[in-house]
């Protein structure tokens, strides 16, 4: 059973996204925790899903963070974080801890989210 310290900013988890509605992300897939570690002591955690399909929409290229598989992140294929689709889920959707993103990747995601959420003003 995972402990609250396993739900850290930058942690990668396999998460059940179903059931989904409309164009929401579907199926069980990796996601990175983007909510602050202290806030993750509660029952819900905010994440960004990963996809194995490289986005081709030119409007998304500036908000995509590529993630290559490494021993530290636990991924088995090239993946992409679309950094403008945050979702908050109950921890019961979290299936398995995979690993951690690199600090530079977390910083890229934070920068994109700051712009997307208009927090820099």
PDB file of N, CA and C in Angstrom:
ATOM      1  N   UNK A   1       0.845  -1.194   0.000  1.00  0.00           N
ATOM      2  CA  UNK A   1       0.000   0.000   0.000  1.00  0.00           C
ATOM      3  C   UNK A   1       0.885   1.250   0.000  1.00  0.00           C
ATOM      4  N   UNK A   2       0.679   2.154  -0.960  1.00  0.00           N
ATOM      5  CA  UNK A   2       1.495   3.365  -1.020  1.00  0.00           C
ATOM      6  C   UNK A   2       1.274   4.254   0.202  1.00  0.00           C
ATOM      7  N   UNK A   3       2.314   4.991   0.580  1.00  0.00           N
ATOM      8  CA  UNK A   3       2.198   5.959   1.670  1.00  0.00           C
ATOM      9  C   UNK A   3       2.085   7.353   1.073  1.00  0.00           C
ATOM     10  N   UNK A   4       1.765   8.330   1.910  1.00  0.00           N
ATOM     11  CA  UNK A   4       1.600   9.691   1.401  1.00  0.00           C
ATOM     12  C   UNK A   4       2.895  10.212   0.785  1.00  0.00           C
ATOM     13  N   UNK A   5       4.048   9.716   1.226  1.00  0.00           N
ATOM     14  CA  UNK A   5       5.316  10.185   0.655  1.00  0.00           C
ATOM     15  C   UNK A   5       5.534   9.664  -0.765  1.00  0.00           C
ATOM     16  N   UNK A   6       4.762   8.677  -1.203  1.00  0.00           N
ATOM     17  CA  UNK A   6       4.872   8.166  -2.572  1.00  0.00           C
ATOM     18  C   UNK A   6       4.192   9.088  -3.592  1.00  0.00           C
ATOM     19  N   UNK A   7       3.368  10.006  -3.113  1.00  0.00           N
ATOM     20  CA  UNK A   7       2.630  10.909  -3.997  1.00  0.00           C
ATOM     21  C   UNK A   7       3.339  12.262  -4.037  1.00  0.00           C
ATOM     22  N   UNK A   8       4.513  12.283  -4.670  1.00  0.00           N
ATOM     23  CA  UNK A   8       5.339  13.480  -4.725  1.00  0.00           C
ATOM     24  C   UNK A   8       5.183  14.195  -6.063  1.00  0.00           C
ATOM     25  N   UNK A   9       5.383  15.513  -6.030  1.00  0.00           N
ATOM     26  CA  UNK A   9       5.455  16.290  -7.256  1.00  0.00           C
ATOM     27  C   UNK A   9       6.513  15.658  -8.151  1.00  0.00           C
ATOM     28  N   UNK A  10       6.146  15.339  -9.388  1.00  0.00           N
ATOM     29  CA  UNK A  10       7.075  14.734 -10.332  1.00  0.00           C
ATOM     30  C   UNK A  10       7.035  13.223 -10.387  1.00  0.00           C
ATOM     31  N   UNK A  11       6.261  12.595  -9.486  1.00  0.00           N
ATOM     32  CA  UNK A  11       6.142  11.132  -9.517  1.00  0.00           C
ATOM     33  C   UNK A  11       5.280  10.695 -10.688  1.00  0.00           C
ATOM     34  N   UNK A  12       5.671   9.589 -11.306  1.00  0.00           N
ATOM     35  CA  UNK A  12       4.892   8.997 -12.387  1.00  0.00           C
ATOM     36  C   UNK A  12       4.131   7.794 -11.845  1.00  0.00           C
ATOM     37  N   UNK A  13       2.852   7.731 -12.183  1.00  0.00           N
ATOM     38  CA  UNK A  13       1.974   6.655 -11.744  1.00  0.00           C
ATOM     39  C   UNK A  13       1.172   6.136 -12.925  1.00  0.00           C
ATOM     40  N   UNK A  14       0.801   4.891 -12.855  1.00  0.00           N
ATOM     41  CA  UNK A  14      -0.177   4.323 -13.768  1.00  0.00           C
ATOM     42  C   UNK A  14      -1.540   4.598 -13.136  1.00  0.00           C
ATOM     43  N   UNK A  15      -2.442   5.252 -13.897  1.00  0.00           N
ATOM     44  CA  UNK A  15      -3.725   5.714 -13.350  1.00  0.00           C
ATOM     45  C   UNK A  15      -4.870   5.259 -14.248  1.00  0.00           C
ATOM     46  N   UNK A  16      -5.976   4.850 -13.621  1.00  0.00           N
ATOM     47  CA  UNK A  16      -7.204   4.500 -14.359  1.00  0.00           C
ATOM     48  C   UNK A  16      -7.987   5.788 -14.638  1.00  0.00           C
ATOM     49  N   UNK A  17      -8.032   6.202 -15.891  1.00  0.00           N
ATOM     50  CA  UNK A  17      -8.746   7.426 -16.266  1.00  0.00           C
ATOM     51  C   UNK A  17     -10.217   7.165 -16.579  1.00  0.00           C
ATOM     52  N   UNK A  18     -10.593   5.909 -16.797  1.00  0.00           N
ATOM     53  CA  UNK A  18     -12.003   5.585 -17.058  1.00  0.00           C
ATOM     54  C   UNK A  18     -12.757   5.470 -15.741  1.00  0.00           C
ATOM     55  N   UNK A  19     -14.023   5.819 -15.709  1.00  0.00           N
ATOM     56  CA  UNK A  19     -14.820   6.282 -16.856  1.00  0.00           C
ATOM     57  C   UNK A  19     -14.515   7.746 -17.163  1.00  0.00           C
ATOM     58  N   UNK A  20     -14.555   8.063 -18.429  1.00  0.00           N
ATOM     59  CA  UNK A  20     -14.320   9.427 -18.876  1.00  0.00           C
ATOM     60  C   UNK A  20     -15.576   9.942 -19.572  1.00  0.00           C
ATOM     61  N   UNK A  21     -15.598  11.241 -19.793  1.00  0.00           N
ATOM     62  CA  UNK A  21     -16.748  11.882 -20.431  1.00  0.00           C
ATOM     63  C   UNK A  21     -16.243  12.672 -21.639  1.00  0.00           C
ATOM     64  N   UNK A  22     -16.964  12.593 -22.744  1.00  0.00           N
ATOM     65  CA  UNK A  22     -16.629  13.383 -23.926  1.00  0.00           C
ATOM     66  C   UNK A  22     -15.228  13.124 -24.432  1.00  0.00           C
ATOM     67  N   UNK A  23     -14.432  14.188 -24.545  1.00  0.00           N
ATOM     68  CA  UNK A  23     -13.078  14.074 -25.089  1.00  0.00           C
ATOM     69  C   UNK A  23     -12.014  13.913 -24.008  1.00  0.00           C
ATOM     70  N   UNK A  24     -12.425  13.608 -22.770  1.00  0.00           N
ATOM     71  CA  UNK A  24     -11.445  13.412 -21.702  1.00  0.00           C
ATOM     72  C   UNK A  24     -10.539  12.224 -22.017  1.00  0.00           C
ATOM     73  N   UNK A  25      -9.359  12.237 -21.419  1.00  0.00           N
ATOM     74  CA  UNK A  25      -8.395  11.145 -21.563  1.00  0.00           C
ATOM     75  C   UNK A  25      -9.051   9.852 -21.097  1.00  0.00           C
ATOM     76  N   UNK A  26      -8.768   8.775 -21.821  1.00  0.00           N
ATOM     77  CA  UNK A  26      -9.358   7.476 -21.512  1.00  0.00           C
ATOM     78  C   UNK A  26      -8.284   6.460 -21.159  1.00  0.00           C
ATOM     79  N   UNK A  27      -8.700   5.341 -20.672  1.00  0.00           N
ATOM     80  CA  UNK A  27      -7.965   4.117 -20.355  1.00  0.00           C
ATOM     81  C   UNK A  27      -6.969   4.302 -19.217  1.00  0.00           C
ATOM     82  N   UNK A  28      -6.285   3.231 -18.885  1.00  0.00           N
ATOM     83  CA  UNK A  28      -5.253   3.267 -17.861  1.00  0.00           C
ATOM     84  C   UNK A  28      -3.953   3.652 -18.540  1.00  0.00           C
ATOM     85  N   UNK A  29      -3.297   4.696 -18.008  1.00  0.00           N
ATOM     86  CA  UNK A  29      -2.101   5.240 -18.646  1.00  0.00           C
ATOM     87  C   UNK A  29      -1.237   5.922 -17.598  1.00  0.00           C
ATOM     88  N   UNK A  30       0.028   6.194 -17.947  1.00  0.00           N
ATOM     89  CA  UNK A  30       0.887   6.919 -17.018  1.00  0.00           C
ATOM     90  C   UNK A  30       0.459   8.382 -16.906  1.00  0.00           C
ATOM     91  N   UNK A  31       0.742   8.957 -15.740  1.00  0.00           N
ATOM     92  CA  UNK A  31       0.508  10.379 -15.504  1.00  0.00           C
ATOM     93  C   UNK A  31       1.544  10.864 -14.497  1.00  0.00           C
ATOM     94  N   UNK A  32       1.833  12.146 -14.563  1.00  0.00           N
ATOM     95  CA  UNK A  32       2.790  12.757 -13.632  1.00  0.00           C
ATOM     96  C   UNK A  32       2.030  13.619 -12.637  1.00  0.00           C
ATOM     97  N   UNK A  33       2.395  13.505 -11.364  1.00  0.00           N
ATOM     98  CA  UNK A  33       1.780  14.328 -10.323  1.00  0.00           C
ATOM     99  C   UNK A  33       2.318  15.742 -10.441  1.00  0.00           C
ATOM    100  N   UNK A  34       1.389  16.723 -10.489  1.00  0.00           N
ATOM    101  CA  UNK A  34       1.799  18.122 -10.570  1.00  0.00           C
ATOM    102  C   UNK A  34       1.376  18.925  -9.350  1.00  0.00           C
ATOM    103  N   UNK A  35       0.548  18.359  -8.484  1.00  0.00           N
ATOM    104  CA  UNK A  35       0.189  19.071  -7.256  1.00  0.00           C
ATOM    105  C   UNK A  35       1.351  18.963  -6.275  1.00  0.00           C
ATOM    106  N   UNK A  36       1.481  19.978  -5.434  1.00  0.00           N
ATOM    107  CA  UNK A  36       2.579  20.027  -4.477  1.00  0.00           C
ATOM    108  C   UNK A  36       2.540  18.865  -3.496  1.00  0.00           C
ATOM    109  N   UNK A  37       3.705  18.384  -3.134  1.00  0.00           N
ATOM    110  CA  UNK A  37       3.824  17.212  -2.271  1.00  0.00           C
ATOM    111  C   UNK A  37       3.035  17.372  -0.979  1.00  0.00           C
ATOM    112  N   UNK A  38       3.059  18.548  -0.348  1.00  0.00           N
ATOM    113  CA  UNK A  38       2.315  18.751   0.899  1.00  0.00           C
ATOM    114  C   UNK A  38       0.809  18.601   0.705  1.00  0.00           C
ATOM    115  N   UNK A  39       0.300  19.041  -0.444  1.00  0.00           N
ATOM    116  CA  UNK A  39      -1.130  18.935  -0.722  1.00  0.00           C
ATOM    117  C   UNK A  39      -1.546  17.499  -1.025  1.00  0.00           C
ATOM    118  N   UNK A  40      -0.606  16.668  -1.391  1.00  0.00           N
ATOM    119  CA  UNK A  40      -0.923  15.295  -1.776  1.00  0.00           C
ATOM    120  C   UNK A  40      -1.164  14.374  -0.590  1.00  0.00           C
ATOM    121  N   UNK A  41      -1.143  14.915   0.604  1.00  0.00           N
ATOM    122  CA  UNK A  41      -1.502  14.125   1.791  1.00  0.00           C
ATOM    123  C   UNK A  41      -3.011  13.899   1.859  1.00  0.00           C
ATOM    124  N   UNK A  42      -3.755  14.714   1.154  1.00  0.00           N
ATOM    125  CA  UNK A  42      -5.212  14.536   1.121  1.00  0.00           C
ATOM    126  C   UNK A  42      -5.564  13.385   0.192  1.00  0.00           C
ATOM    127  N   UNK A  43      -6.838  13.116   0.005  1.00  0.00           N
ATOM    128  CA  UNK A  43      -7.242  11.939  -0.771  1.00  0.00           C
ATOM    129  C   UNK A  43      -7.200  12.157  -2.281  1.00  0.00           C
ATOM    130  N   UNK A  44      -7.049  13.408  -2.732  1.00  0.00           N
ATOM    131  CA  UNK A  44      -7.018  13.696  -4.166  1.00  0.00           C
ATOM    132  C   UNK A  44      -5.666  14.272  -4.567  1.00  0.00           C
ATOM    133  N   UNK A  45      -5.286  13.985  -5.826  1.00  0.00           N
ATOM    134  CA  UNK A  45      -4.000  14.421  -6.366  1.00  0.00           C
ATOM    135  C   UNK A  45      -4.233  14.936  -7.791  1.00  0.00           C
ATOM    136  N   UNK A  46      -3.519  15.999  -8.162  1.00  0.00           N
ATOM    137  CA  UNK A  46      -3.644  16.560  -9.508  1.00  0.00           C
ATOM    138  C   UNK A  46      -2.501  16.053 -10.384  1.00  0.00           C
ATOM    139  N   UNK A  47      -2.868  15.620 -11.593  1.00  0.00           N
ATOM    140  CA  UNK A  47      -1.900  14.994 -12.498  1.00  0.00           C
ATOM    141  C   UNK A  47      -2.036  15.547 -13.915  1.00  0.00           C
ATOM    142  N   UNK A  48      -1.032  15.258 -14.717  1.00  0.00           N
ATOM    143  CA  UNK A  48      -1.084  15.456 -16.163  1.00  0.00           C
ATOM    144  C   UNK A  48      -0.875  14.100 -16.804  1.00  0.00           C
ATOM    145  N   UNK A  49      -1.769  13.683 -17.698  1.00  0.00           N
ATOM    146  CA  UNK A  49      -1.608  12.382 -18.357  1.00  0.00           C
ATOM    147  C   UNK A  49      -0.482  12.400 -19.379  1.00  0.00           C
ATOM    148  N   UNK A  50       0.097  11.237 -19.619  1.00  0.00           N
ATOM    149  CA  UNK A  50       1.089  11.052 -20.666  1.00  0.00           C
ATOM    150  C   UNK A  50       0.443  10.296 -21.815  1.00  0.00           C
ATOM    151  N   UNK A  51       0.931  10.563 -23.004  1.00  0.00           N
ATOM    152  CA  UNK A  51       0.464   9.853 -24.187  1.00  0.00           C
ATOM    153  C   UNK A  51       1.680   9.321 -24.941  1.00  0.00           C
ATOM    154  N   UNK A  52       1.500   8.229 -25.650  1.00  0.00           N
ATOM    155  CA  UNK A  52       2.594   7.697 -26.461  1.00  0.00           C
ATOM    156  C   UNK A  52       2.511   8.193 -27.901  1.00  0.00           C
ATOM    157  N   UNK A  53       1.478   8.952 -28.207  1.00  0.00           N
ATOM    158  CA  UNK A  53       1.287   9.496 -29.554  1.00  0.00           C
ATOM    159  C   UNK A  53       1.768  10.942 -29.562  1.00  0.00           C
ATOM    160  N   UNK A  54       2.770  11.221 -30.377  1.00  0.00           N
ATOM    161  CA  UNK A  54       3.293  12.580 -30.443  1.00  0.00           C
ATOM    162  C   UNK A  54       2.251  13.506 -31.053  1.00  0.00           C
ATOM    163  N   UNK A  55       1.876  14.558 -30.323  1.00  0.00           N
ATOM    164  CA  UNK A  55       0.887  15.501 -30.860  1.00  0.00           C
ATOM    165  C   UNK A  55       1.408  16.173 -32.124  1.00  0.00           C
ATOM    166  N   UNK A  56       0.554  16.299 -33.110  1.00  0.00           N
ATOM    167  CA  UNK A  56       0.917  16.913 -34.384  1.00  0.00           C
ATOM    168  C   UNK A  56       0.269  18.288 -34.561  1.00  0.00           C
ATOM    169  N   UNK A  57      -0.701  18.587 -33.707  1.00  0.00           N
ATOM    170  CA  UNK A  57      -1.385  19.871 -33.781  1.00  0.00           C
ATOM    171  C   UNK A  57      -0.381  20.978 -33.440  1.00  0.00           C
ATOM    172  N   UNK A  58      -0.112  21.898 -34.366  1.00  0.00           N
ATOM    173  CA  UNK A  58       0.882  22.950 -34.119  1.00  0.00           C
ATOM    174  C   UNK A  58       0.566  23.798 -32.890  1.00  0.00           C
ATOM    175  N   UNK A  59      -0.704  23.899 -32.524  1.00  0.00           N
ATOM    176  CA  UNK A  59      -1.079  24.684 -31.341  1.00  0.00           C
ATOM    177  C   UNK A  59      -0.601  24.034 -30.053  1.00  0.00           C
ATOM    178  N   UNK A  60      -0.347  22.728 -30.082  1.00  0.00           N
ATOM    179  CA  UNK A  60       0.075  22.011 -28.879  1.00  0.00           C
ATOM    180  C   UNK A  60       1.585  21.880 -28.737  1.00  0.00           C
ATOM    181  N   UNK A  61       2.332  22.105 -29.791  1.00  0.00           N
ATOM    182  CA  UNK A  61       3.770  21.844 -29.768  1.00  0.00           C
ATOM    183  C   UNK A  61       4.492  22.593 -28.645  1.00  0.00           C
ATOM    184  N   UNK A  62       4.071  23.803 -28.337  1.00  0.00           N
ATOM    185  CA  UNK A  62       4.729  24.596 -27.301  1.00  0.00           C
ATOM    186  C   UNK A  62       4.418  24.115 -25.883  1.00  0.00           C
ATOM    187  N   UNK A  63       3.430  23.239 -25.733  1.00  0.00           N
ATOM    188  CA  UNK A  63       3.043  22.796 -24.398  1.00  0.00           C
ATOM    189  C   UNK A  63       3.316  21.308 -24.172  1.00  0.00           C
ATOM    190  N   UNK A  64       4.069  20.701 -25.082  1.00  0.00           N
ATOM    191  CA  UNK A  64       4.385  19.277 -24.975  1.00  0.00           C
ATOM    192  C   UNK A  64       5.796  19.113 -24.409  1.00  0.00           C
ATOM    193  N   UNK A  65       5.917  18.219 -23.408  1.00  0.00           N
ATOM    194  CA  UNK A  65       7.221  17.881 -22.842  1.00  0.00           C
ATOM    195  C   UNK A  65       7.491  16.417 -23.171  1.00  0.00           C
ATOM    196  N   UNK A  66       8.500  16.134 -24.008  1.00  0.00           N
ATOM    197  CA  UNK A  66       8.824  14.739 -24.335  1.00  0.00           C
ATOM    198  C   UNK A  66       9.500  14.055 -23.145  1.00  0.00           C
ATOM    199  N   UNK A  67       9.203  12.762 -22.965  1.00  0.00           N
ATOM    200  CA  UNK A  67       9.794  11.976 -21.882  1.00  0.00           C
ATOM    201  C   UNK A  67      10.270  10.645 -22.466  1.00  0.00           C
ATOM    202  N   UNK A  68      11.571  10.474 -22.518  1.00  0.00           N
ATOM    203  CA  UNK A  68      12.144   9.210 -22.981  1.00  0.00           C
ATOM    204  C   UNK A  68      12.194   8.226 -21.819  1.00  0.00           C
ATOM    205  N   UNK A  69      12.039   6.938 -22.115  1.00  0.00           N
ATOM    206  CA  UNK A  69      12.088   5.947 -21.032  1.00  0.00           C
ATOM    207  C   UNK A  69      13.485   5.871 -20.400  1.00  0.00           C
ATOM    208  N   UNK A  70      13.512   5.832 -19.066  1.00  0.00           N
ATOM    209  CA  UNK A  70      14.757   5.669 -18.309  1.00  0.00           C
ATOM    210  C   UNK A  70      14.482   4.750 -17.128  1.00  0.00           C
ATOM    211  N   UNK A  71      15.539   4.295 -16.495  1.00  0.00           N
ATOM    212  CA  UNK A  71      15.384   3.458 -15.304  1.00  0.00           C
ATOM    213  C   UNK A  71      14.713   4.240 -14.171  1.00  0.00           C
ATOM    214  N   UNK A  72      14.930   5.559 -14.111  1.00  0.00           N
ATOM    215  CA  UNK A  72      14.359   6.339 -13.011  1.00  0.00           C
ATOM    216  C   UNK A  72      12.890   6.707 -13.210  1.00  0.00           C
ATOM    217  N   UNK A  73      12.399   6.720 -14.465  1.00  0.00           N
ATOM    218  CA  UNK A  73      10.980   7.067 -14.629  1.00  0.00           C
ATOM    219  C   UNK A  73      10.091   5.846 -14.847  1.00  0.00           C
ATOM    220  N   UNK A  74      10.663   4.698 -15.142  1.00  0.00           N
ATOM    221  CA  UNK A  74       9.883   3.472 -15.238  1.00  0.00           C
ATOM    222  C   UNK A  74       9.036   3.324 -16.489  1.00  0.00           C
ATOM    223  N   UNK A  75       9.168   4.232 -17.435  1.00  0.00           N
ATOM    224  CA  UNK A  75       8.384   4.133 -18.670  1.00  0.00           C
ATOM    225  C   UNK A  75       9.035   3.135 -19.620  1.00  0.00           C
ATOM    226  N   UNK A  76       8.222   2.540 -20.506  1.00  0.00           N
ATOM    227  CA  UNK A  76       8.780   1.580 -21.457  1.00  0.00           C
ATOM    228  C   UNK A  76       8.702   2.059 -22.903  1.00  0.00           C
ATOM    229  N   UNK A  77       8.197   3.285 -23.109  1.00  0.00           N
ATOM    230  CA  UNK A  77       8.163   3.827 -24.469  1.00  0.00           C
ATOM    231  C   UNK A  77       8.253   5.348 -24.417  1.00  0.00           C
ATOM    232  N   UNK A  78       8.661   5.923 -25.546  1.00  0.00           N
ATOM    233  CA  UNK A  78       8.712   7.383 -25.665  1.00  0.00           C
ATOM    234  C   UNK A  78       7.324   7.929 -25.370  1.00  0.00           C
ATOM    235  N   UNK A  79       7.253   8.948 -24.535  1.00  0.00           N
ATOM    236  CA  UNK A  79       5.962   9.495 -24.112  1.00  0.00           C
ATOM    237  C   UNK A  79       5.998  11.012 -24.158  1.00  0.00           C
ATOM    238  N   UNK A  80       4.814  11.607 -24.028  1.00  0.00           N
ATOM    239  CA  UNK A  80       4.684  13.053 -24.118  1.00  0.00           C
ATOM    240  C   UNK A  80       3.686  13.536 -23.071  1.00  0.00           C
ATOM    241  N   UNK A  81       4.068  14.587 -22.349  1.00  0.00           N
ATOM    242  CA  UNK A  81       3.166  15.241 -21.400  1.00  0.00           C
ATOM    243  C   UNK A  81       2.582  16.445 -22.118  1.00  0.00           C
ATOM    244  N   UNK A  82       1.271  16.476 -22.241  1.00  0.00           N
ATOM    245  CA  UNK A  82       0.598  17.669 -22.769  1.00  0.00           C
ATOM    246  C   UNK A  82       0.250  18.488 -21.534  1.00  0.00           C
ATOM    247  N   UNK A  83       1.029  19.535 -21.309  1.00  0.00           N
ATOM    248  CA  UNK A  83       1.045  20.215 -20.014  1.00  0.00           C
ATOM    249  C   UNK A  83      -0.125  21.152 -19.754  1.00  0.00           C
ATOM    250  N   UNK A  84      -1.186  21.050 -20.521  1.00  0.00           N
ATOM    251  CA  UNK A  84      -2.341  21.932 -20.305  1.00  0.00           C
ATOM    252  C   UNK A  84      -3.631  21.132 -20.085  1.00  0.00           C
ATOM    253  N   UNK A  85      -3.499  19.889 -19.626  1.00  0.00           N
ATOM    254  CA  UNK A  85      -4.685  19.069 -19.376  1.00  0.00           C
ATOM    255  C   UNK A  85      -4.680  18.507 -17.952  1.00  0.00           C
ATOM    256  N   UNK A  86      -4.558  19.386 -16.912  1.00  0.00           N
ATOM    257  CA  UNK A  86      -4.525  18.862 -15.546  1.00  0.00           C
ATOM    258  C   UNK A  86      -5.866  18.245 -15.149  1.00  0.00           C
ATOM    259  N   UNK A  87      -5.767  17.190 -14.358  1.00  0.00           N
ATOM    260  CA  UNK A  87      -6.949  16.486 -13.857  1.00  0.00           C
ATOM    261  C   UNK A  87      -6.689  16.124 -12.396  1.00  0.00           C
ATOM    262  N   UNK A  88      -7.731  16.180 -11.575  1.00  0.00           N
ATOM    263  CA  UNK A  88      -7.602  15.822 -10.165  1.00  0.00           C
ATOM    264  C   UNK A  88      -8.398  14.565  -9.905  1.00  0.00           C
ATOM    265  N   UNK A  89      -7.728  13.574  -9.279  1.00  0.00           N
ATOM    266  CA  UNK A  89      -8.336  12.269  -9.046  1.00  0.00           C
ATOM    267  C   UNK A  89      -8.150  11.815  -7.614  1.00  0.00           C
ATOM    268  N   UNK A  90      -9.072  10.986  -7.172  1.00  0.00           N
ATOM    269  CA  UNK A  90      -8.932  10.274  -5.911  1.00  0.00           C
ATOM    270  C   UNK A  90      -7.794   9.274  -6.054  1.00  0.00           C
ATOM    271  N   UNK A  91      -7.049   9.063  -4.987  1.00  0.00           N
ATOM    272  CA  UNK A  91      -5.906   8.143  -5.027  1.00  0.00           C
ATOM    273  C   UNK A  91      -6.320   6.701  -5.337  1.00  0.00           C
ATOM    274  N   UNK A  92      -7.586   6.389  -5.206  1.00  0.00           N
ATOM    275  CA  UNK A  92      -8.027   5.024  -5.531  1.00  0.00           C
ATOM    276  C   UNK A  92      -7.883   4.715  -7.018  1.00  0.00           C
ATOM    277  N   UNK A  93      -7.726   5.746  -7.866  1.00  0.00           N
ATOM    278  CA  UNK A  93      -7.488   5.524  -9.300  1.00  0.00           C
ATOM    279  C   UNK A  93      -6.025   5.189  -9.597  1.00  0.00           C
ATOM    280  N   UNK A  94      -5.151   5.410  -8.637  1.00  0.00           N
ATOM    281  CA  UNK A  94      -3.716   5.191  -8.825  1.00  0.00           C
ATOM    282  C   UNK A  94      -3.418   3.703  -8.707  1.00  0.00           C
ATOM    283  N   UNK A  95      -2.922   3.107  -9.775  1.00  0.00           N
ATOM    284  CA  UNK A  95      -2.716   1.662  -9.862  1.00  0.00           C
ATOM    285  C   UNK A  95      -1.323   1.257  -9.406  1.00  0.00           C
ATOM    286  N   UNK A  96      -0.292   1.967  -9.912  1.00  0.00           N
ATOM    287  CA  UNK A  96       1.080   1.544  -9.642  1.00  0.00           C
ATOM    288  C   UNK A  96       2.040   2.724  -9.788  1.00  0.00           C
ATOM    289  N   UNK A  97       2.960   2.832  -8.838  1.00  0.00           N
ATOM    290  CA  UNK A  97       4.027   3.823  -8.924  1.00  0.00           C
ATOM    291  C   UNK A  97       5.032   3.363  -9.984  1.00  0.00           C
ATOM    292  N   UNK A  98       5.435   4.268 -10.876  1.00  0.00           N
ATOM    293  CA  UNK A  98       6.385   3.927 -11.944  1.00  0.00           C
ATOM    294  C   UNK A  98       7.779   4.489 -11.703  1.00  0.00           C
ATOM    295  N   UNK A  99       7.869   5.748 -11.261  1.00  0.00           N
ATOM    296  CA  UNK A  99       9.165   6.384 -11.081  1.00  0.00           C
ATOM    297  C   UNK A  99       9.026   7.890 -10.976  1.00  0.00           C
ATOM    298  N   UNK A 100      10.090   8.604 -11.376  1.00  0.00           N
ATOM    299  CA  UNK A 100      10.138  10.060 -11.235  1.00  0.00           C
ATOM    300  C   UNK A 100      10.596  10.711 -12.541  1.00  0.00           C
ATOM    301  N   UNK A 101      10.040  11.880 -12.832  1.00  0.00           N
ATOM    302  CA  UNK A 101      10.543  12.682 -13.946  1.00  0.00           C
ATOM    303  C   UNK A 101      11.843  13.366 -13.523  1.00  0.00           C
ATOM    304  N   UNK A 102      12.613  13.799 -14.503  1.00  0.00           N
ATOM    305  CA  UNK A 102      13.833  14.560 -14.240  1.00  0.00           C
ATOM    306  C   UNK A 102      13.439  15.971 -13.771  1.00  0.00           C
ATOM    307  N   UNK A 103      14.251  16.590 -12.904  1.00  0.00           N
ATOM    308  CA  UNK A 103      13.933  17.948 -12.427  1.00  0.00           C
ATOM    309  C   UNK A 103      13.733  18.953 -13.563  1.00  0.00           C
ATOM    310  N   UNK A 104      14.508  18.861 -14.633  1.00  0.00           N
ATOM    311  CA  UNK A 104      14.340  19.783 -15.764  1.00  0.00           C
ATOM    312  C   UNK A 104      12.982  19.637 -16.440  1.00  0.00           C
ATOM    313  N   UNK A 105      12.476  18.412 -16.494  1.00  0.00           N
ATOM    314  CA  UNK A 105      11.155  18.183 -17.095  1.00  0.00           C
ATOM    315  C   UNK A 105      10.055  18.775 -16.209  1.00  0.00           C
ATOM    316  N   UNK A 106      10.212  18.621 -14.897  1.00  0.00           N
ATOM    317  CA  UNK A 106       9.232  19.216 -13.973  1.00  0.00           C
ATOM    318  C   UNK A 106       9.250  20.735 -14.122  1.00  0.00           C
ATOM    319  N   UNK A 107      10.432  21.323 -14.243  1.00  0.00           N
ATOM    320  CA  UNK A 107      10.535  22.769 -14.402  1.00  0.00           C
ATOM    321  C   UNK A 107       9.866  23.232 -15.693  1.00  0.00           C
ATOM    322  N   UNK A 108      10.035  22.481 -16.779  1.00  0.00           N
ATOM    323  CA  UNK A 108       9.360  22.805 -18.044  1.00  0.00           C
ATOM    324  C   UNK A 108       7.843  22.794 -17.860  1.00  0.00           C
ATOM    325  N   UNK A 109       7.336  21.762 -17.203  1.00  0.00           N
ATOM    326  CA  UNK A 109       5.896  21.638 -16.976  1.00  0.00           C
ATOM    327  C   UNK A 109       5.395  22.801 -16.124  1.00  0.00           C
ATOM    328  N   UNK A 110       6.115  23.141 -15.062  1.00  0.00           N
ATOM    329  CA  UNK A 110       5.722  24.265 -14.198  1.00  0.00           C
ATOM    330  C   UNK A 110       5.657  25.567 -14.993  1.00  0.00           C
ATOM    331  N   UNK A 111       6.634  25.782 -15.853  1.00  0.00           N
ATOM    332  CA  UNK A 111       6.671  26.999 -16.659  1.00  0.00           C
ATOM    333  C   UNK A 111       5.471  27.067 -17.600  1.00  0.00           C
ATOM    334  N   UNK A 112       5.165  25.957 -18.244  1.00  0.00           N
ATOM    335  CA  UNK A 112       4.011  25.914 -19.150  1.00  0.00           C
ATOM    336  C   UNK A 112       2.719  26.156 -18.382  1.00  0.00           C
ATOM    337  N   UNK A 113       2.581  25.509 -17.218  1.00  0.00           N
ATOM    338  CA  UNK A 113       1.362  25.686 -16.420  1.00  0.00           C
ATOM    339  C   UNK A 113       1.225  27.128 -15.923  1.00  0.00           C
ATOM    340  N   UNK A 114       2.332  27.760 -15.574  1.00  0.00           N
ATOM    341  CA  UNK A 114       2.290  29.153 -15.125  1.00  0.00           C
ATOM    342  C   UNK A 114       1.724  30.047 -16.221  1.00  0.00           C
ATOM    343  N   UNK A 115       2.150  29.824 -17.451  1.00  0.00           N
ATOM    344  CA  UNK A 115       1.641  30.599 -18.578  1.00  0.00           C
ATOM    345  C   UNK A 115       0.185  30.241 -18.862  1.00  0.00           C
ATOM    346  N   UNK A 116      -0.108  28.932 -18.911  1.00  0.00           N
ATOM    347  CA  UNK A 116      -1.451  28.450 -19.234  1.00  0.00           C
ATOM    348  C   UNK A 116      -2.485  28.970 -18.233  1.00  0.00           C
ATOM    349  N   UNK A 117      -2.140  28.954 -16.948  1.00  0.00           N
ATOM    350  CA  UNK A 117      -3.071  29.378 -15.899  1.00  0.00           C
ATOM    351  C   UNK A 117      -2.967  30.874 -15.592  1.00  0.00           C
ATOM    352  N   UNK A 118      -2.119  31.578 -16.351  1.00  0.00           N
ATOM    353  CA  UNK A 118      -1.935  33.024 -16.207  1.00  0.00           C
ATOM    354  C   UNK A 118      -1.554  33.394 -14.773  1.00  0.00           C
ATOM    355  N   UNK A 119      -0.583  32.685 -14.220  1.00  0.00           N
ATOM    356  CA  UNK A 119      -0.157  32.885 -12.824  1.00  0.00           C
ATOM    357  C   UNK A 119       1.031  33.823 -12.688  1.00  0.00           C
ATOM    358  N   UNK A 120       1.614  34.266 -13.781  1.00  0.00           N
ATOM    359  CA  UNK A 120       2.825  35.071 -13.696  1.00  0.00           C
ATOM    360  C   UNK A 120       2.566  36.560 -13.576  1.00  0.00           C
ATOM    361  N   UNK A 121       1.344  36.942 -13.323  1.00  0.00           N
ATOM    362  CA  UNK A 121       1.025  38.374 -13.207  1.00  0.00           C
ATOM    363  C   UNK A 121       0.780  38.756 -11.782  1.00  0.00           C
TER     364      UNK A 121
END
